[in-house]
All heavy atoms as atom14 arrays in JSON, in Angstrom:
{
  "sequence": "MSIVENISAALQKGKRKEVVELVQEALASGITAQVILDDGLLKGMG",
  "atom14_mask": [
    [1, 1, 1, 1, 1, 1, 1, 1, 0, 0, 0, 0, 0, 0],
    [1, 1, 1, 1, 1, 1, 0, 0, 0, 0, 0, 0, 0, 0],
    [1, 1, 1, 1, 1, 1, 1, 1, 0, 0, 0, 0, 0, 0],
    [1, 1, 1, 1, 1, 1, 1, 0, 0, 0, 0, 0, 0, 0],
    [1, 1, 1, 1, 1, 1, 1, 1, 1, 0, 0, 0, 0, 0],
    [1, 1, 1, 1, 1, 1, 1, 1, 0, 0, 0, 0, 0, 0],
    [1, 1, 1, 1, 1, 1, 1, 1, 0, 0, 0, 0, 0, 0],
    [1, 1, 1, 1, 1, 1, 0, 0, 0, 0, 0, 0, 0, 0],
    [1, 1, 1, 1, 1, 0, 0, 0, 0, 0, 0, 0, 0, 0],
    [1, 1, 1, 1, 1, 0, 0, 0, 0, 0, 0, 0, 0, 0],
    [1, 1, 1, 1, 1, 1, 1, 1, 0, 0, 0, 0, 0, 0],
    [1, 1, 1, 1, 1, 1, 1, 1, 1, 0, 0, 0, 0, 0],
    [1, 1, 1, 1, 1, 1, 1, 1, 1, 0, 0, 0, 0, 0],
    [1, 1, 1, 1, 0, 0, 0, 0, 0, 0, 0, 0, 0, 0],
    [1, 1, 1, 1, 1, 1, 1, 1, 1, 0, 0, 0, 0, 0],
    [1, 1, 1, 1, 1, 1, 1, 1, 1, 1, 1, 0, 0, 0],
    [1, 1, 1, 1, 1, 1, 1, 1, 1, 0, 0, 0, 0, 0],
    [1, 1, 1, 1, 1, 1, 1, 1, 1, 0, 0, 0, 0, 0],
    [1, 1, 1, 1, 1, 1, 1, 0, 0, 0, 0, 0, 0, 0],
    [1, 1, 1, 1, 1, 1, 1, 0, 0, 0, 0, 0, 0, 0],
    [1, 1, 1, 1, 1, 1, 1, 1, 1, 0, 0, 0, 0, 0],
    [1, 1, 1, 1, 1, 1, 1, 1, 0, 0, 0, 0, 0, 0],
    [1, 1, 1, 1, 1, 1, 1, 0, 0, 0, 0, 0, 0, 0],
    [1, 1, 1, 1, 1, 1, 1, 1, 1, 0, 0, 0, 0, 0],
    [1, 1, 1, 1, 1, 1, 1, 1, 1, 0, 0, 0, 0, 0],
    [1, 1, 1, 1, 1, 0, 0, 0, 0, 0, 0, 0, 0, 0],
    [1, 1, 1, 1, 1, 1, 1, 1, 0, 0, 0, 0, 0, 0],
    [1, 1, 1, 1, 1, 0, 0, 0, 0, 0, 0, 0, 0, 0],
    [1, 1, 1, 1, 1, 1, 0, 0, 0, 0, 0, 0, 0, 0],
    [1, 1, 1, 1, 0, 0, 0, 0, 0, 0, 0, 0, 0, 0],
    [1, 1, 1, 1, 1, 1, 1, 1, 0, 0, 0, 0, 0, 0],
    [1, 1, 1, 1, 1, 1, 1, 0, 0, 0, 0, 0, 0, 0],
    [1, 1, 1, 1, 1, 0, 0, 0, 0, 0, 0, 0, 0, 0],
    [1, 1, 1, 1, 1, 1, 1, 1, 1, 0, 0, 0, 0, 0],
    [1, 1, 1, 1, 1, 1, 1, 0, 0, 0, 0, 0, 0, 0],
    [1, 1, 1, 1, 1, 1, 1, 1, 0, 0, 0, 0, 0, 0],
    [1, 1, 1, 1, 1, 1, 1, 1, 0, 0, 0, 0, 0, 0],
    [1, 1, 1, 1, 1, 1, 1, 1, 0, 0, 0, 0, 0, 0],
    [1, 1, 1, 1, 1, 1, 1, 1, 0, 0, 0, 0, 0, 0],
    [1, 1, 1, 1, 0, 0, 0, 0, 0, 0, 0, 0, 0, 0],
    [1, 1, 1, 1, 1, 1, 1, 1, 0, 0, 0, 0, 0, 0],
    [1, 1, 1, 1, 1, 1, 1, 1, 0, 0, 0, 0, 0, 0],
    [1, 1, 1, 1, 1, 1, 1, 1, 1, 0, 0, 0, 0, 0],
    [1, 1, 1, 1, 0, 0, 0, 0, 0, 0, 0, 0, 0, 0],
    [1, 1, 1, 1, 1, 1, 1, 1, 0, 0, 0, 0, 0, 0],
    [1, 1, 1, 1, 0, 0, 0, 0, 0, 0, 0, 0, 0, 0]
  ],
  "atom14_positions": [
    [[10.57, 4.52, -5.27], [9.28, 3.89, -5.44], [8.13, 4.78, -4.85], [8.38, 5.46, -3.87], [9.19, 2.53, -4.71], [9.93, 1.4, -5.45], [9.34, -0.27, -4.95], [9.77, -0.3, -3.23], [0.0, 0.0, 0.0], [0.0, 0.0, 0.0], [0.0, 0.0, 0.0], [0.0, 0.0, 0.0], [0.0, 0.0, 0.0], [0.0, 0.0, 0.0]],
    [[6.96, 4.7, -5.43], [5.84, 5.45, -4.96], [5.3, 4.77, -3.68], [5.66, 3.64, -3.36], [4.7, 5.49, -5.99], [4.14, 4.21, -6.13], [0.0, 0.0, 0.0], [0.0, 0.0, 0.0], [0.0, 0.0, 0.0], [0.0, 0.0, 0.0], [0.0, 0.0, 0.0], [0.0, 0.0, 0.0], [0.0, 0.0, 0.0], [0.0, 0.0, 0.0]],
    [[4.44, 5.53, -2.96], [3.85, 4.96, -1.71], [3.11, 3.65, -2.05], [3.23, 2.67, -1.33], [2.83, 5.93, -1.07], [3.5, 7.23, -0.62], [2.16, 5.28, 0.13], [2.54, 8.21, 0.02], [0.0, 0.0, 0.0], [0.0, 0.0, 0.0], [0.0, 0.0, 0.0], [0.0, 0.0, 0.0], [0.0, 0.0, 0.0], [0.0, 0.0, 0.0]],
    [[2.36, 3.69, -3.15], [1.55, 2.51, -3.52], [2.46, 1.31, -3.83], [2.16, 0.18, -3.44], [0.61, 2.86, -4.74], [-0.12, 1.65, -5.16], [-0.36, 3.92, -4.28], [0.0, 0.0, 0.0], [0.0, 0.0, 0.0], [0.0, 0.0, 0.0], [0.0, 0.0, 0.0], [0.0, 0.0, 0.0], [0.0, 0.0, 0.0], [0.0, 0.0, 0.0]],
    [[3.58, 1.52, -4.52], [4.52, 0.44, -4.8], [5.13, -0.07, -3.49], [5.38, -1.28, -3.35], [5.63, 0.95, -5.73], [5.16, 1.11, -7.19], [6.19, 1.86, -8.05], [6.96, 2.67, -7.52], [6.18, 1.63, -9.28], [0.0, 0.0, 0.0], [0.0, 0.0, 0.0], [0.0, 0.0, 0.0], [0.0, 0.0, 0.0], [0.0, 0.0, 0.0]],
    [[5.39, 0.87, -2.56], [5.94, 0.45, -1.27], [4.93, -0.41, -0.49], [5.35, -1.34, 0.2], [6.29, 1.7, -0.43], [7.58, 2.37, -0.91], [8.42, 1.7, -1.49], [7.71, 3.66, -0.63], [0.0, 0.0, 0.0], [0.0, 0.0, 0.0], [0.0, 0.0, 0.0], [0.0, 0.0, 0.0], [0.0, 0.0, 0.0], [0.0, 0.0, 0.0]],
    [[3.67, -0.09, -0.65], [2.62, -0.94, 0.02], [2.68, -2.35, -0.5], [2.69, -3.32, 0.26], [1.22, -0.31, -0.19], [1.05, 1.0, 0.58], [0.1, -1.3, 0.23], [-0.2, 1.81, 0.27], [0.0, 0.0, 0.0], [0.0, 0.0, 0.0], [0.0, 0.0, 0.0], [0.0, 0.0, 0.0], [0.0, 0.0, 0.0], [0.0, 0.0, 0.0]],
    [[2.74, -2.46, -1.84], [2.84, -3.78, -2.47], [4.05, -4.57, -1.99], [3.99, -5.75, -1.65], [2.9, -3.62, -4.02], [3.19, -4.84, -4.6], [0.0, 0.0, 0.0], [0.0, 0.0, 0.0], [0.0, 0.0, 0.0], [0.0, 0.0, 0.0], [0.0, 0.0, 0.0], [0.0, 0.0, 0.0], [0.0, 0.0, 0.0], [0.0, 0.0, 0.0]],
    [[5.2, -3.87, -1.94], [6.47, -4.53, -1.52], [6.39, -4.94, -0.04], [6.8, -6.05, 0.33], [7.63, -3.56, -1.77], [0.0, 0.0, 0.0], [0.0, 0.0, 0.0], [0.0, 0.0, 0.0], [0.0, 0.0, 0.0], [0.0, 0.0, 0.0], [0.0, 0.0, 0.0], [0.0, 0.0, 0.0], [0.0, 0.0, 0.0], [0.0, 0.0, 0.0]],
    [[5.88, -4.06, 0.81], [5.81, -4.38, 2.24], [4.84, -5.55, 2.49], [5.11, -6.43, 3.32], [5.34, -3.14, 3.01], [0.0, 0.0, 0.0], [0.0, 0.0, 0.0], [0.0, 0.0, 0.0], [0.0, 0.0, 0.0], [0.0, 0.0, 0.0], [0.0, 0.0, 0.0], [0.0, 0.0, 0.0], [0.0, 0.0, 0.0], [0.0, 0.0, 0.0]],
    [[3.73, -5.58, 1.73], [2.76, -6.67, 1.9], [3.39, -8.02, 1.52], [3.24, -8.99, 2.24], [1.54, -6.4, 1.02], [0.48, -7.48, 1.15], [-0.87, -6.89, 1.5], [0.35, -8.33, -0.1], [0.0, 0.0, 0.0], [0.0, 0.0, 0.0], [0.0, 0.0, 0.0], [0.0, 0.0, 0.0], [0.0, 0.0, 0.0], [0.0, 0.0, 0.0]],
    [[4.16, -8.01, 0.45], [4.79, -9.28, -0.01], [5.79, -9.78, 1.05], [6.04, -10.98, 1.12], [5.46, -9.07, -1.33], [4.45, -8.91, -2.47], [5.11, -8.66, -3.85], [5.9, -9.51, -4.28], [4.86, -7.53, -4.44], [0.0, 0.0, 0.0], [0.0, 0.0, 0.0], [0.0, 0.0, 0.0], [0.0, 0.0, 0.0], [0.0, 0.0, 0.0]],
    [[6.34, -8.84, 1.82], [7.28, -9.27, 2.83], [6.58, -9.57, 4.16], [7.17, -9.95, 5.16], [8.33, -8.15, 3.1], [9.31, -8.01, 1.94], [10.24, -6.81, 2.17], [11.08, -6.58, 0.94], [11.58, -5.17, 0.88], [0.0, 0.0, 0.0], [0.0, 0.0, 0.0], [0.0, 0.0, 0.0], [0.0, 0.0, 0.0], [0.0, 0.0, 0.0]],
    [[5.25, -9.36, 4.18], [4.46, -9.64, 5.37], [4.65, -8.64, 6.5], [4.39, -8.94, 7.65], [0.0, 0.0, 0.0], [0.0, 0.0, 0.0], [0.0, 0.0, 0.0], [0.0, 0.0, 0.0], [0.0, 0.0, 0.0], [0.0, 0.0, 0.0], [0.0, 0.0, 0.0], [0.0, 0.0, 0.0], [0.0, 0.0, 0.0], [0.0, 0.0, 0.0]],
    [[5.05, -7.41, 6.16], [5.34, -6.39, 7.2], [3.99, -5.65, 7.47], [3.72, -4.55, 6.91], [6.39, -5.44, 6.68], [7.73, -6.14, 6.51], [8.83, -5.15, 6.17], [10.2, -5.86, 6.13], [11.25, -4.95, 5.71], [0.0, 0.0, 0.0], [0.0, 0.0, 0.0], [0.0, 0.0, 0.0], [0.0, 0.0, 0.0], [0.0, 0.0, 0.0]],
    [[3.22, -6.22, 8.34], [1.86, -5.67, 8.62], [1.9, -4.25, 9.12], [1.13, -3.39, 8.64], [1.16, -6.57, 9.67], [-0.3, -6.29, 9.84], [-0.94, -7.29, 10.77], [-0.43, -7.11, 12.14], [-0.89, -6.21, 12.98], [-1.9, -5.4, 12.66], [-0.41, -6.12, 14.23], [0.0, 0.0, 0.0], [0.0, 0.0, 0.0], [0.0, 0.0, 0.0]],
    [[2.78, -3.98, 10.08], [2.82, -2.61, 10.67], [3.19, -1.58, 9.61], [2.59, -0.52, 9.54], [3.89, -2.62, 11.81], [3.78, -1.42, 12.72], [4.69, -1.61, 13.93], [4.79, -0.28, 14.66], [6.06, -0.02, 15.25], [0.0, 0.0, 0.0], [0.0, 0.0, 0.0], [0.0, 0.0, 0.0], [0.0, 0.0, 0.0], [0.0, 0.0, 0.0]],
    [[4.13, -1.95, 8.74], [4.55, -1.05, 7.71], [3.43, -0.81, 6.69], [3.2, 0.32, 6.23], [5.8, -1.65, 6.99], [6.56, -0.67, 6.17], [7.84, -1.27, 5.57], [8.57, -1.97, 6.29], [8.06, -1.06, 4.37], [0.0, 0.0, 0.0], [0.0, 0.0, 0.0], [0.0, 0.0, 0.0], [0.0, 0.0, 0.0], [0.0, 0.0, 0.0]],
    [[2.71, -1.9, 6.36], [1.58, -1.8, 5.44], [0.53, -0.8, 6.01], [0.04, 0.09, 5.29], [0.93, -3.18, 5.17], [-0.43, -3.02, 4.49], [1.86, -4.02, 4.33], [0.0, 0.0, 0.0], [0.0, 0.0, 0.0], [0.0, 0.0, 0.0], [0.0, 0.0, 0.0], [0.0, 0.0, 0.0], [0.0, 0.0, 0.0], [0.0, 0.0, 0.0]],
    [[0.21, -0.96, 7.3], [-0.77, -0.1, 7.95], [-0.32, 1.36, 7.88], [-1.08, 2.26, 7.49], [-0.99, -0.55, 9.39], [-1.73, 0.53, 10.17], [-1.76, -1.87, 9.42], [0.0, 0.0, 0.0], [0.0, 0.0, 0.0], [0.0, 0.0, 0.0], [0.0, 0.0, 0.0], [0.0, 0.0, 0.0], [0.0, 0.0, 0.0], [0.0, 0.0, 0.0]],
    [[0.95, 1.61, 8.21], [1.48, 3.02, 8.19], [1.44, 3.58, 6.79], [1.1, 4.73, 6.6], [2.93, 3.03, 8.73], [2.98, 2.81, 10.25], [4.41, 2.5, 10.76], [5.35, 2.46, 9.95], [4.53, 2.29, 11.99], [0.0, 0.0, 0.0], [0.0, 0.0, 0.0], [0.0, 0.0, 0.0], [0.0, 0.0, 0.0], [0.0, 0.0, 0.0]],
    [[1.81, 2.77, 5.78], [1.86, 3.26, 4.4], [0.46, 3.53, 3.87], [0.25, 4.47, 3.13], [2.58, 2.24, 3.51], [4.12, 2.19, 3.65], [4.68, 0.91, 3.03], [4.76, 3.41, 3.05], [0.0, 0.0, 0.0], [0.0, 0.0, 0.0], [0.0, 0.0, 0.0], [0.0, 0.0, 0.0], [0.0, 0.0, 0.0], [0.0, 0.0, 0.0]],
    [[-0.51, 2.67, 4.24], [-1.88, 2.86, 3.79], [-2.4, 4.19, 4.4], [-3.03, 5.0, 3.7], [-2.79, 1.69, 4.17], [-4.27, 2.03, 4.02], [-2.46, 0.46, 3.32], [0.0, 0.0, 0.0], [0.0, 0.0, 0.0], [0.0, 0.0, 0.0], [0.0, 0.0, 0.0], [0.0, 0.0, 0.0], [0.0, 0.0, 0.0], [0.0, 0.0, 0.0]],
    [[-2.12, 4.42, 5.69], [-2.55, 5.67, 6.34], [-1.92, 6.89, 5.63], [-2.56, 7.89, 5.37], [-2.18, 5.67, 7.8], [-3.07, 4.66, 8.61], [-2.55, 4.41, 10.06], [-1.36, 4.48, 10.27], [-3.46, 4.05, 10.91], [0.0, 0.0, 0.0], [0.0, 0.0, 0.0], [0.0, 0.0, 0.0], [0.0, 0.0, 0.0], [0.0, 0.0, 0.0]],
    [[-0.65, 6.74, 5.35], [0.11, 7.81, 4.68], [-0.47, 8.09, 3.27], [-0.64, 9.26, 2.87], [1.58, 7.38, 4.53], [2.56, 8.49, 4.14], [3.95, 7.99, 3.92], [4.4, 7.07, 4.7], [4.63, 8.45, 3.02], [0.0, 0.0, 0.0], [0.0, 0.0, 0.0], [0.0, 0.0, 0.0], [0.0, 0.0, 0.0], [0.0, 0.0, 0.0]],
    [[-0.79, 7.02, 2.55], [-1.36, 7.18, 1.19], [-2.7, 7.87, 1.24], [-2.98, 8.78, 0.4], [-1.47, 5.78, 0.56], [0.0, 0.0, 0.0], [0.0, 0.0, 0.0], [0.0, 0.0, 0.0], [0.0, 0.0, 0.0], [0.0, 0.0, 0.0], [0.0, 0.0, 0.0], [0.0, 0.0, 0.0], [0.0, 0.0, 0.0], [0.0, 0.0, 0.0]],
    [[-3.55, 7.47, 2.2], [-4.87, 8.11, 2.35], [-4.7, 9.59, 2.71], [-5.4, 10.43, 2.13], [-5.69, 7.42, 3.44], [-6.3, 6.01, 3.11], [-6.83, 5.37, 4.36], [-7.39, 6.15, 2.05], [0.0, 0.0, 0.0], [0.0, 0.0, 0.0], [0.0, 0.0, 0.0], [0.0, 0.0, 0.0], [0.0, 0.0, 0.0], [0.0, 0.0, 0.0]],
    [[-3.78, 9.88, 3.59], [-3.55, 11.26, 4.02], [-3.07, 12.12, 2.85], [-3.35, 13.34, 2.82], [-2.53, 11.32, 5.16], [0.0, 0.0, 0.0], [0.0, 0.0, 0.0], [0.0, 0.0, 0.0], [0.0, 0.0, 0.0], [0.0, 0.0, 0.0], [0.0, 0.0, 0.0], [0.0, 0.0, 0.0], [0.0, 0.0, 0.0], [0.0, 0.0, 0.0]],
    [[-2.36, 11.51, 1.93], [-1.81, 12.28, 0.81], [-2.81, 12.4, -0.34], [-2.48, 12.93, -1.41], [-0.48, 11.68, 0.31], [-0.74, 10.42, -0.25], [0.0, 0.0, 0.0], [0.0, 0.0, 0.0], [0.0, 0.0, 0.0], [0.0, 0.0, 0.0], [0.0, 0.0, 0.0], [0.0, 0.0, 0.0], [0.0, 0.0, 0.0], [0.0, 0.0, 0.0]],
    [[-4.03, 11.86, -0.12], [-5.07, 12.06, -1.11], [-5.2, 10.99, -2.2], [-5.99, 11.11, -3.14], [0.0, 0.0, 0.0], [0.0, 0.0, 0.0], [0.0, 0.0, 0.0], [0.0, 0.0, 0.0], [0.0, 0.0, 0.0], [0.0, 0.0, 0.0], [0.0, 0.0, 0.0], [0.0, 0.0, 0.0], [0.0, 0.0, 0.0], [0.0, 0.0, 0.0]],
    [[-4.46, 9.89, -2.03], [-4.59, 8.77, -2.97], [-5.9, 8.05, -2.69], [-6.24, 7.84, -1.52], [-3.41, 7.79, -2.87], [-2.09, 8.54, -3.19], [-3.57, 6.6, -3.82], [-0.85, 7.74, -2.89], [0.0, 0.0, 0.0], [0.0, 0.0, 0.0], [0.0, 0.0, 0.0], [0.0, 0.0, 0.0], [0.0, 0.0, 0.0], [0.0, 0.0, 0.0]],
    [[-6.67, 7.72, -3.71], [-7.99, 7.1, -3.49], [-7.82, 5.67, -2.93], [-6.82, 5.02, -3.19], [-8.81, 7.0, -4.77], [-8.18, 6.09, -5.66], [-9.01, 8.35, -5.43], [0.0, 0.0, 0.0], [0.0, 0.0, 0.0], [0.0, 0.0, 0.0], [0.0, 0.0, 0.0], [0.0, 0.0, 0.0], [0.0, 0.0, 0.0], [0.0, 0.0, 0.0]],
    [[-8.85, 5.28, -2.18], [-8.82, 3.93, -1.58], [-8.79, 2.87, -2.7], [-8.14, 1.85, -2.56], [-10.08, 3.74, -0.71], [0.0, 0.0, 0.0], [0.0, 0.0, 0.0], [0.0, 0.0, 0.0], [0.0, 0.0, 0.0], [0.0, 0.0, 0.0], [0.0, 0.0, 0.0], [0.0, 0.0, 0.0], [0.0, 0.0, 0.0], [0.0, 0.0, 0.0]],
    [[-9.46, 3.14, -3.79], [-9.47, 2.21, -4.93], [-8.06, 1.99, -5.47], [-7.65, 0.83, -5.68], [-10.33, 2.76, -6.06], [-10.3, 2.0, -7.36], [-11.33, 0.89, -7.4], [-12.51, 1.2, -7.5], [-10.91, -0.36, -7.42], [0.0, 0.0, 0.0], [0.0, 0.0, 0.0], [0.0, 0.0, 0.0], [0.0, 0.0, 0.0], [0.0, 0.0, 0.0]],
    [[-7.28, 3.01, -5.63], [-5.9, 2.92, -6.12], [-5.02, 2.19, -5.12], [-4.24, 1.31, -5.46], [-5.3, 4.31, -6.45], [-3.81, 4.25, -6.73], [-6.01, 4.87, -7.71], [0.0, 0.0, 0.0], [0.0, 0.0, 0.0], [0.0, 0.0, 0.0], [0.0, 0.0, 0.0], [0.0, 0.0, 0.0], [0.0, 0.0, 0.0], [0.0, 0.0, 0.0]],
    [[-5.19, 2.52, -3.85], [-4.39, 1.87, -2.8], [-4.7, 0.37, -2.81], [-3.79, -0.46, -2.7], [-4.68, 2.48, -1.41], [-4.29, 3.92, -1.36], [-3.98, 1.69, -0.33], [-4.84, 4.71, -0.15], [0.0, 0.0, 0.0], [0.0, 0.0, 0.0], [0.0, 0.0, 0.0], [0.0, 0.0, 0.0], [0.0, 0.0, 0.0], [0.0, 0.0, 0.0]],
    [[-6.01, 0.06, -2.94], [-6.39, -1.36, -2.93], [-5.85, -2.1, -4.16], [-5.19, -3.11, -4.04], [-7.94, -1.46, -2.88], [-8.5, -2.86, -2.86], [-8.23, -3.54, -1.51], [-10.01, -2.85, -3.13], [0.0, 0.0, 0.0], [0.0, 0.0, 0.0], [0.0, 0.0, 0.0], [0.0, 0.0, 0.0], [0.0, 0.0, 0.0], [0.0, 0.0, 0.0]],
    [[-6.16, -1.56, -5.31], [-5.83, -2.23, -6.6], [-4.31, -2.27, -6.86], [-3.77, -3.34, -7.15], [-6.5, -1.57, -7.79], [-8.01, -1.77, -7.76], [-8.47, -2.62, -6.99], [-8.74, -1.09, -8.51], [0.0, 0.0, 0.0], [0.0, 0.0, 0.0], [0.0, 0.0, 0.0], [0.0, 0.0, 0.0], [0.0, 0.0, 0.0], [0.0, 0.0, 0.0]],
    [[-3.67, -1.13, -6.78], [-2.26, -1.03, -7.21], [-1.28, -1.31, -6.05], [-0.1, -1.5, -6.3], [-1.98, 0.37, -7.79], [-2.85, 0.65, -8.98], [-3.41, -0.33, -9.55], [-2.99, 1.79, -9.41], [0.0, 0.0, 0.0], [0.0, 0.0, 0.0], [0.0, 0.0, 0.0], [0.0, 0.0, 0.0], [0.0, 0.0, 0.0], [0.0, 0.0, 0.0]],
    [[-1.81, -1.31, -4.82], [-0.93, -1.61, -3.68], [-1.21, -2.98, -3.11], [-0.45, -3.96, -3.34], [0.0, 0.0, 0.0], [0.0, 0.0, 0.0], [0.0, 0.0, 0.0], [0.0, 0.0, 0.0], [0.0, 0.0, 0.0], [0.0, 0.0, 0.0], [0.0, 0.0, 0.0], [0.0, 0.0, 0.0], [0.0, 0.0, 0.0], [0.0, 0.0, 0.0]],
    [[-2.32, -3.1, -2.38], [-2.61, -4.35, -1.66], [-2.86, -5.54, -2.58], [-2.23, -6.57, -2.44], [-3.8, -4.14, -0.75], [-3.61, -3.08, 0.39], [-4.93, -2.74, 1.03], [-2.6, -3.61, 1.41], [0.0, 0.0, 0.0], [0.0, 0.0, 0.0], [0.0, 0.0, 0.0], [0.0, 0.0, 0.0], [0.0, 0.0, 0.0], [0.0, 0.0, 0.0]],
    [[-3.8, -5.39, -3.52], [-4.16, -6.53, -4.36], [-3.06, -6.89, -5.35], [-2.8, -8.07, -5.63], [-5.46, -6.24, -5.14], [-6.71, -6.0, -4.28], [-7.97, -5.96, -5.14], [-6.86, -7.03, -3.18], [0.0, 0.0, 0.0], [0.0, 0.0, 0.0], [0.0, 0.0, 0.0], [0.0, 0.0, 0.0], [0.0, 0.0, 0.0], [0.0, 0.0, 0.0]],
    [[-2.35, -5.87, -5.82], [-1.2, -6.12, -6.73], [-0.15, -6.95, -5.99], [0.41, -7.89, -6.5], [-0.64, -4.83, -7.24], [0.35, -5.04, -8.37], [0.85, -3.74, -8.95], [1.88, -4.01, -9.98], [2.75, -2.84, -10.24], [0.0, 0.0, 0.0], [0.0, 0.0, 0.0], [0.0, 0.0, 0.0], [0.0, 0.0, 0.0], [0.0, 0.0, 0.0]],
    [[0.13, -6.54, -4.75], [1.12, -7.25, -3.93], [0.72, -8.69, -3.72], [1.55, -9.6, -3.86], [0.0, 0.0, 0.0], [0.0, 0.0, 0.0], [0.0, 0.0, 0.0], [0.0, 0.0, 0.0], [0.0, 0.0, 0.0], [0.0, 0.0, 0.0], [0.0, 0.0, 0.0], [0.0, 0.0, 0.0], [0.0, 0.0, 0.0], [0.0, 0.0, 0.0]],
    [[-0.55, -8.91, -3.39], [-1.02, -10.27, -3.1], [-1.02, -11.1, -4.39], [-0.69, -12.28, -4.37], [-2.45, -10.19, -2.54], [-2.83, -11.41, -1.73], [-1.85, -11.56, -0.19], [-2.26, -13.22, 0.29], [0.0, 0.0, 0.0], [0.0, 0.0, 0.0], [0.0, 0.0, 0.0], [0.0, 0.0, 0.0], [0.0, 0.0, 0.0], [0.0, 0.0, 0.0]],
    [[-1.31, -10.46, -5.51], [-1.3, -11.15, -6.8], [0.13, -11.59, -7.16], [0.34, -12.73, -7.61], [0.0, 0.0, 0.0], [0.0, 0.0, 0.0], [0.0, 0.0, 0.0], [0.0, 0.0, 0.0], [0.0, 0.0, 0.0], [0.0, 0.0, 0.0], [0.0, 0.0, 0.0], [0.0, 0.0, 0.0], [0.0, 0.0, 0.0], [0.0, 0.0, 0.0]]
  ]
}
């Protein structure tokens, strides 16, 4: 799974610490905040 997919999966499991680490990792690897938000966090919540 991609980092963004992992963010979605971790969020659905309520793993806050893991979500924070993965978001930081995604930003560091150059993924835009919009993609992290839409395809990771919001997709997971949806």
